[in-house]
PDB file of N, CA and C in Angstrom:
ATOM      1  N   UNK A   1      65.662 125.694  86.530  1.00  0.00           N
ATOM      2  CA  UNK A   1      65.711 124.297  86.160  1.00  0.00           C
ATOM      3  C   UNK A   1      66.716 123.585  87.061  1.00  0.00           C
ATOM      4  N   UNK A   2      66.304 122.521  87.669  1.00  0.00           N
ATOM      5  CA  UNK A   2      67.172 121.744  88.561  1.00  0.00           C
ATOM      6  C   UNK A   2      68.080 120.841  87.741  1.00  0.00           C
ATOM      7  N   UNK A   3      69.263 120.636  88.248  1.00  0.00           N
ATOM      8  CA  UNK A   3      70.221 119.760  87.573  1.00  0.00           C
ATOM      9  C   UNK A   3      69.905 118.318  87.955  1.00  0.00           C
ATOM     10  N   UNK A   4      69.999 117.423  86.984  1.00  0.00           N
ATOM     11  CA  UNK A   4      69.651 116.028  87.247  1.00  0.00           C
ATOM     12  C   UNK A   4      70.810 115.308  87.928  1.00  0.00           C
ATOM     13  N   UNK A   5      70.493 114.173  88.519  1.00  0.00           N
ATOM     14  CA  UNK A   5      71.520 113.360  89.171  1.00  0.00           C
ATOM     15  C   UNK A   5      72.561 112.907  88.156  1.00  0.00           C
ATOM     16  N   UNK A   6      72.134 112.570  86.949  1.00  0.00           N
ATOM     17  CA  UNK A   6      73.079 112.132  85.912  1.00  0.00           C
ATOM     18  C   UNK A   6      74.014 113.274  85.523  1.00  0.00           C
ATOM     19  N   UNK A   7      73.486 114.488  85.428  1.00  0.00           N
ATOM     20  CA  UNK A   7      74.332 115.641  85.097  1.00  0.00           C
ATOM     21  C   UNK A   7      75.361 115.901  86.194  1.00  0.00           C
ATOM     22  N   UNK A   8      74.948 115.761  87.449  1.00  0.00           N
ATOM     23  CA  UNK A   8      75.897 115.941  88.556  1.00  0.00           C
ATOM     24  C   UNK A   8      76.964 114.863  88.517  1.00  0.00           C
ATOM     25  N   UNK A   9      76.563 113.622  88.276  1.00  0.00           N
ATOM     26  CA  UNK A   9      77.520 112.524  88.179  1.00  0.00           C
ATOM     27  C   UNK A   9      78.518 112.806  87.058  1.00  0.00           C
ATOM     28  N   UNK A  10      78.035 113.269  85.916  1.00  0.00           N
ATOM     29  CA  UNK A  10      78.916 113.583  84.790  1.00  0.00           C
ATOM     30  C   UNK A  10      79.937 114.655  85.171  1.00  0.00           C
ATOM     31  N   UNK A  11      79.506 115.670  85.918  1.00  0.00           N
ATOM     32  CA  UNK A  11      80.415 116.727  86.344  1.00  0.00           C
ATOM     33  C   UNK A  11      81.481 116.187  87.293  1.00  0.00           C
ATOM     34  N   UNK A  12      81.089 115.321  88.212  1.00  0.00           N
ATOM     35  CA  UNK A  12      82.062 114.720  89.130  1.00  0.00           C
ATOM     36  C   UNK A  12      83.058 113.839  88.372  1.00  0.00           C
ATOM     37  N   UNK A  13      82.592 113.101  87.378  1.00  0.00           N
ATOM     38  CA  UNK A  13      83.487 112.258  86.589  1.00  0.00           C
ATOM     39  C   UNK A  13      84.501 113.111  85.821  1.00  0.00           C
ATOM     40  N   UNK A  14      84.047 114.231  85.266  1.00  0.00           N
ATOM     41  CA  UNK A  14      84.953 115.137  84.559  1.00  0.00           C
ATOM     42  C   UNK A  14      85.989 115.726  85.508  1.00  0.00           C
ATOM     43  N   UNK A  15      85.542 116.151  86.693  1.00  0.00           N
ATOM     44  CA  UNK A  15      86.467 116.724  87.672  1.00  0.00           C
ATOM     45  C   UNK A  15      87.487 115.692  88.124  1.00  0.00           C
ATOM     46  N   UNK A  16      87.025 114.479  88.373  1.00  0.00           N
ATOM     47  CA  UNK A  16      87.925 113.411  88.806  1.00  0.00           C
ATOM     48  C   UNK A  16      88.961 113.109  87.725  1.00  0.00           C
ATOM     49  N   UNK A  17      88.522 113.023  86.482  1.00  0.00           N
ATOM     50  CA  UNK A  17      89.442 112.737  85.383  1.00  0.00           C
ATOM     51  C   UNK A  17      90.481 113.844  85.239  1.00  0.00           C
ATOM     52  N   UNK A  18      90.066 115.085  85.355  1.00  0.00           N
ATOM     53  CA  UNK A  18      91.002 116.207  85.236  1.00  0.00           C
ATOM     54  C   UNK A  18      92.044 116.167  86.343  1.00  0.00           C
ATOM     55  N   UNK A  19      91.621 115.873  87.555  1.00  0.00           N
ATOM     56  CA  UNK A  19      92.554 115.816  88.685  1.00  0.00           C
ATOM     57  C   UNK A  19      93.522 114.657  88.505  1.00  0.00           C
ATOM     58  N   UNK A  20      93.018 113.510  88.047  1.00  0.00           N
ATOM     59  CA  UNK A  20      93.885 112.357  87.839  1.00  0.00           C
ATOM     60  C   UNK A  20      94.923 112.611  86.746  1.00  0.00           C
ATOM     61  N   UNK A  21      94.609 113.505  85.820  1.00  0.00           N
ATOM     62  CA  UNK A  21      95.555 113.864  84.768  1.00  0.00           C
ATOM     63  C   UNK A  21      96.535 114.944  85.227  1.00  0.00           C
ATOM     64  N   UNK A  22      96.438 115.328  86.493  1.00  0.00           N
ATOM     65  CA  UNK A  22      97.364 116.305  87.044  1.00  0.00           C
ATOM     66  C   UNK A  22      96.937 117.741  86.854  1.00  0.00           C
ATOM     67  N   UNK A  23      95.723 117.943  86.409  1.00  0.00           N
ATOM     68  CA  UNK A  23      95.213 119.290  86.192  1.00  0.00           C
ATOM     69  C   UNK A  23      94.463 119.751  87.434  1.00  0.00           C
ATOM     70  N   UNK A  24      94.261 121.041  87.522  1.00  0.00           N
ATOM     71  CA  UNK A  24      93.338 121.554  88.524  1.00  0.00           C
ATOM     72  C   UNK A  24      92.020 121.792  87.804  1.00  0.00           C
ATOM     73  N   UNK A  25      90.956 121.751  88.529  1.00  0.00           N
ATOM     74  CA  UNK A  25      89.646 121.954  87.933  1.00  0.00           C
ATOM     75  C   UNK A  25      88.821 122.847  88.833  1.00  0.00           C
ATOM     76  N   UNK A  26      87.893 123.585  88.255  1.00  0.00           N
ATOM     77  CA  UNK A  26      86.973 124.424  89.015  1.00  0.00           C
ATOM     78  C   UNK A  26      85.641 123.709  89.044  1.00  0.00           C
ATOM     79  N   UNK A  27      85.149 123.444  90.256  1.00  0.00           N
ATOM     80  CA  UNK A  27      83.892 122.726  90.442  1.00  0.00           C
ATOM     81  C   UNK A  27      83.123 123.422  91.543  1.00  0.00           C
ATOM     82  N   UNK A  28      81.906 123.801  91.264  1.00  0.00           N
ATOM     83  CA  UNK A  28      81.077 124.539  92.219  1.00  0.00           C
ATOM     84  C   UNK A  28      81.785 125.796  92.718  1.00  0.00           C
ATOM     85  N   UNK A  29      82.507 126.468  91.816  1.00  0.00           N
ATOM     86  CA  UNK A  29      83.147 127.726  92.168  1.00  0.00           C
ATOM     87  C   UNK A  29      84.447 127.603  92.939  1.00  0.00           C
ATOM     88  N   UNK A  30      84.917 126.386  93.172  1.00  0.00           N
ATOM     89  CA  UNK A  30      86.170 126.175  93.906  1.00  0.00           C
ATOM     90  C   UNK A  30      87.179 125.494  92.997  1.00  0.00           C
ATOM     91  N   UNK A  31      88.456 125.844  93.172  1.00  0.00           N
ATOM     92  CA  UNK A  31      89.520 125.195  92.425  1.00  0.00           C
ATOM     93  C   UNK A  31      89.981 123.970  93.200  1.00  0.00           C
ATOM     94  N   UNK A  32      90.017 122.827  92.528  1.00  0.00           N
ATOM     95  CA  UNK A  32      90.403 121.567  93.160  1.00  0.00           C
ATOM     96  C   UNK A  32      91.703 121.067  92.548  1.00  0.00           C
ATOM     97  N   UNK A  33      92.534 120.475  93.377  1.00  0.00           N
ATOM     98  CA  UNK A  33      93.797 119.897  92.929  1.00  0.00           C
ATOM     99  C   UNK A  33      93.857 118.440  93.366  1.00  0.00           C
ATOM    100  N   UNK A  34      94.970 117.790  93.057  1.00  0.00           N
ATOM    101  CA  UNK A  34      95.133 116.372  93.375  1.00  0.00           C
ATOM    102  C   UNK A  34      94.881 116.080  94.852  1.00  0.00           C
ATOM    103  N   UNK A  35      95.225 116.986  95.738  1.00  0.00           N
ATOM    104  CA  UNK A  35      95.056 116.751  97.173  1.00  0.00           C
ATOM    105  C   UNK A  35      93.592 116.560  97.548  1.00  0.00           C
ATOM    106  N   UNK A  36      92.692 117.054  96.721  1.00  0.00           N
ATOM    107  CA  UNK A  36      91.266 116.958  97.031  1.00  0.00           C
ATOM    108  C   UNK A  36      90.575 115.815  96.288  1.00  0.00           C
ATOM    109  N   UNK A  37      91.345 114.940  95.703  1.00  0.00           N
ATOM    110  CA  UNK A  37      90.784 113.812  94.967  1.00  0.00           C
ATOM    111  C   UNK A  37      89.832 112.970  95.816  1.00  0.00           C
ATOM    112  N   UNK A  38      90.149 112.659  97.081  1.00  0.00           N
ATOM    113  CA  UNK A  38      89.200 111.853  97.874  1.00  0.00           C
ATOM    114  C   UNK A  38      87.819 112.504  98.025  1.00  0.00           C
ATOM    115  N   UNK A  39      87.779 113.824  98.138  1.00  0.00           N
ATOM    116  CA  UNK A  39      86.483 114.498  98.252  1.00  0.00           C
ATOM    117  C   UNK A  39      85.705 114.408  96.942  1.00  0.00           C
ATOM    118  N   UNK A  40      86.413 114.558  95.820  1.00  0.00           N
ATOM    119  CA  UNK A  40      85.763 114.435  94.515  1.00  0.00           C
ATOM    120  C   UNK A  40      85.246 113.006  94.332  1.00  0.00           C
ATOM    121  N   UNK A  41      86.034 112.024  94.715  1.00  0.00           N
ATOM    122  CA  UNK A  41      85.609 110.627  94.574  1.00  0.00           C
ATOM    123  C   UNK A  41      84.410 110.320  95.467  1.00  0.00           C
ATOM    124  N   UNK A  42      84.398 110.873  96.668  1.00  0.00           N
ATOM    125  CA  UNK A  42      83.251 110.660  97.566  1.00  0.00           C
ATOM    126  C   UNK A  42      81.989 111.266  96.960  1.00  0.00           C
ATOM    127  N   UNK A  43      82.103 112.439  96.396  1.00  0.00           N
ATOM    128  CA  UNK A  43      80.954 113.065  95.734  1.00  0.00           C
ATOM    129  C   UNK A  43      80.484 112.254  94.548  1.00  0.00           C
ATOM    130  N   UNK A  44      81.425 111.738  93.764  1.00  0.00           N
ATOM    131  CA  UNK A  44      81.067 110.904  92.614  1.00  0.00           C
ATOM    132  C   UNK A  44      80.308 109.667  93.066  1.00  0.00           C
ATOM    133  N   UNK A  45      80.795 109.016  94.126  1.00  0.00           N
ATOM    134  CA  UNK A  45      80.115 107.804  94.611  1.00  0.00           C
ATOM    135  C   UNK A  45      78.687 108.119  95.068  1.00  0.00           C
ATOM    136  N   UNK A  46      78.512 109.258  95.725  1.00  0.00           N
ATOM    137  CA  UNK A  46      77.173 109.660  96.174  1.00  0.00           C
ATOM    138  C   UNK A  46      76.237 109.843  94.979  1.00  0.00           C
ATOM    139  N   UNK A  47      76.701 110.529  93.939  1.00  0.00           N
ATOM    140  CA  UNK A  47      75.852 110.751  92.772  1.00  0.00           C
ATOM    141  C   UNK A  47      75.648 109.484  91.974  1.00  0.00           C
ATOM    142  N   UNK A  48      76.608 108.561  91.982  1.00  0.00           N
ATOM    143  CA  UNK A  48      76.397 107.259  91.344  1.00  0.00           C
ATOM    144  C   UNK A  48      75.266 106.516  92.050  1.00  0.00           C
ATOM    145  N   UNK A  49      75.261 106.575  93.385  1.00  0.00           N
ATOM    146  CA  UNK A  49      74.177 105.922  94.133  1.00  0.00           C
ATOM    147  C   UNK A  49      72.822 106.522  93.768  1.00  0.00           C
ATOM    148  N   UNK A  50      72.774 107.838  93.649  1.00  0.00           N
ATOM    149  CA  UNK A  50      71.505 108.492  93.310  1.00  0.00           C
ATOM    150  C   UNK A  50      71.036 108.111  91.908  1.00  0.00           C
ATOM    151  N   UNK A  51      71.966 108.111  90.954  1.00  0.00           N
ATOM    152  CA  UNK A  51      71.607 107.731  89.581  1.00  0.00           C
ATOM    153  C   UNK A  51      71.107 106.296  89.560  1.00  0.00           C
ATOM    154  N   UNK A  52      71.811 105.392  90.232  1.00  0.00           N
ATOM    155  CA  UNK A  52      71.394 103.987  90.267  1.00  0.00           C
ATOM    156  C   UNK A  52      70.034 103.825  90.932  1.00  0.00           C
ATOM    157  N   UNK A  53      69.767 104.583  91.989  1.00  0.00           N
ATOM    158  CA  UNK A  53      68.470 104.514  92.663  1.00  0.00           C
ATOM    159  C   UNK A  53      67.354 105.001  91.739  1.00  0.00           C
ATOM    160  N   UNK A  54      67.622 106.077  91.000  1.00  0.00           N
ATOM    161  CA  UNK A  54      66.619 106.585  90.067  1.00  0.00           C
ATOM    162  C   UNK A  54      66.348 105.580  88.953  1.00  0.00           C
ATOM    163  N   UNK A  55      67.399 104.944  88.446  1.00  0.00           N
ATOM    164  CA  UNK A  55      67.219 103.925  87.404  1.00  0.00           C
ATOM    165  C   UNK A  55      66.416 102.744  87.925  1.00  0.00           C
ATOM    166  N   UNK A  56      66.725 102.310  89.138  1.00  0.00           N
ATOM    167  CA  UNK A  56      66.003 101.179  89.730  1.00  0.00           C
ATOM    168  C   UNK A  56      64.530 101.527  89.923  1.00  0.00           C
ATOM    169  N   UNK A  57      64.270 102.753  90.376  1.00  0.00           N
ATOM    170  CA  UNK A  57      62.889 103.177  90.591  1.00  0.00           C
ATOM    171  C   UNK A  57      62.136 103.246  89.259  1.00  0.00           C
ATOM    172  N   UNK A  58      62.809 103.704  88.219  1.00  0.00           N
ATOM    173  CA  UNK A  58      62.169 103.806  86.903  1.00  0.00           C
ATOM    174  C   UNK A  58      61.841 102.425  86.337  1.00  0.00           C
ATOM    175  N   UNK A  59      62.627 101.433  86.707  1.00  0.00           N
ATOM    176  CA  UNK A  59      62.402 100.071  86.226  1.00  0.00           C
ATOM    177  C   UNK A  59      61.467  99.298  87.145  1.00  0.00           C
ATOM    178  N   UNK A  60      61.049  99.917  88.230  1.00  0.00           N
ATOM    179  CA  UNK A  60      60.152  99.251  89.157  1.00  0.00           C
ATOM    180  C   UNK A  60      60.864  98.320  90.103  1.00  0.00           C
ATOM    181  N   UNK A  61      62.172  98.394  90.129  1.00  0.00           N
ATOM    182  CA  UNK A  61      62.976  97.543  91.010  1.00  0.00           C
ATOM    183  C   UNK A  61      63.193  98.264  92.337  1.00  0.00           C
ATOM    184  N   UNK A  62      63.124  97.562  93.450  1.00  0.00           N
ATOM    185  CA  UNK A  62      63.333  98.217  94.736  1.00  0.00           C
ATOM    186  C   UNK A  62      64.790  98.588  95.001  1.00  0.00           C
ATOM    187  N   UNK A  63      65.733  98.171  94.142  1.00  0.00           N
ATOM    188  CA  UNK A  63      67.123  98.513  94.336  1.00  0.00           C
ATOM    189  C   UNK A  63      67.890  97.495  95.165  1.00  0.00           C
ATOM    190  N   UNK A  64      67.229  96.427  95.519  1.00  0.00           N
ATOM    191  CA  UNK A  64      67.881  95.365  96.275  1.00  0.00           C
ATOM    192  C   UNK A  64      67.212  94.053  95.908  1.00  0.00           C
ATOM    193  N   UNK A  65      67.826  92.962  96.256  1.00  0.00           N
ATOM    194  CA  UNK A  65      67.208  91.663  96.017  1.00  0.00           C
ATOM    195  C   UNK A  65      67.196  90.878  97.317  1.00  0.00           C
ATOM    196  N   UNK A  66      66.283  89.954  97.395  1.00  0.00           N
ATOM    197  CA  UNK A  66      66.145  89.140  98.602  1.00  0.00           C
ATOM    198  C   UNK A  66      66.652  87.731  98.323  1.00  0.00           C
ATOM    199  N   UNK A  67      67.390  87.215  99.243  1.00  0.00           N
ATOM    200  CA  UNK A  67      67.888  85.850  99.133  1.00  0.00           C
ATOM    201  C   UNK A  67      66.864  84.912  99.777  1.00  0.00           C
ATOM    202  N   UNK A  68      66.732  83.757  99.199  1.00  0.00           N
ATOM    203  CA  UNK A  68      65.810  82.755  99.752  1.00  0.00           C
ATOM    204  C   UNK A  68      66.653  81.568 100.200  1.00  0.00           C
ATOM    205  N   UNK A  69      66.695  81.307 101.493  1.00  0.00           N
ATOM    206  CA  UNK A  69      67.477  80.215 102.055  1.00  0.00           C
ATOM    207  C   UNK A  69      66.560  79.048 102.359  1.00  0.00           C
ATOM    208  N   UNK A  70      67.003  77.875 102.013  1.00  0.00           N
ATOM    209  CA  UNK A  70      66.178  76.676 102.255  1.00  0.00           C
ATOM    210  C   UNK A  70      66.959  75.658 103.020  1.00  0.00           C
TER     211      UNK A  70
END
């Protein structure tokens, strides 16, 4: 069974919160500490984009809007 984008996002949010609280966390078999916060945040942003894209696709939205200039 494949893990969903929302589940991955949830895992990144948990890891980020743990690191921000000064804890170390194990994610994908690696122990992460405060020094690795930027990598965790980058991963979270990537999965947020994927979740948002999936939501937009489910709603029939292309994920962007067009401006009309007159």
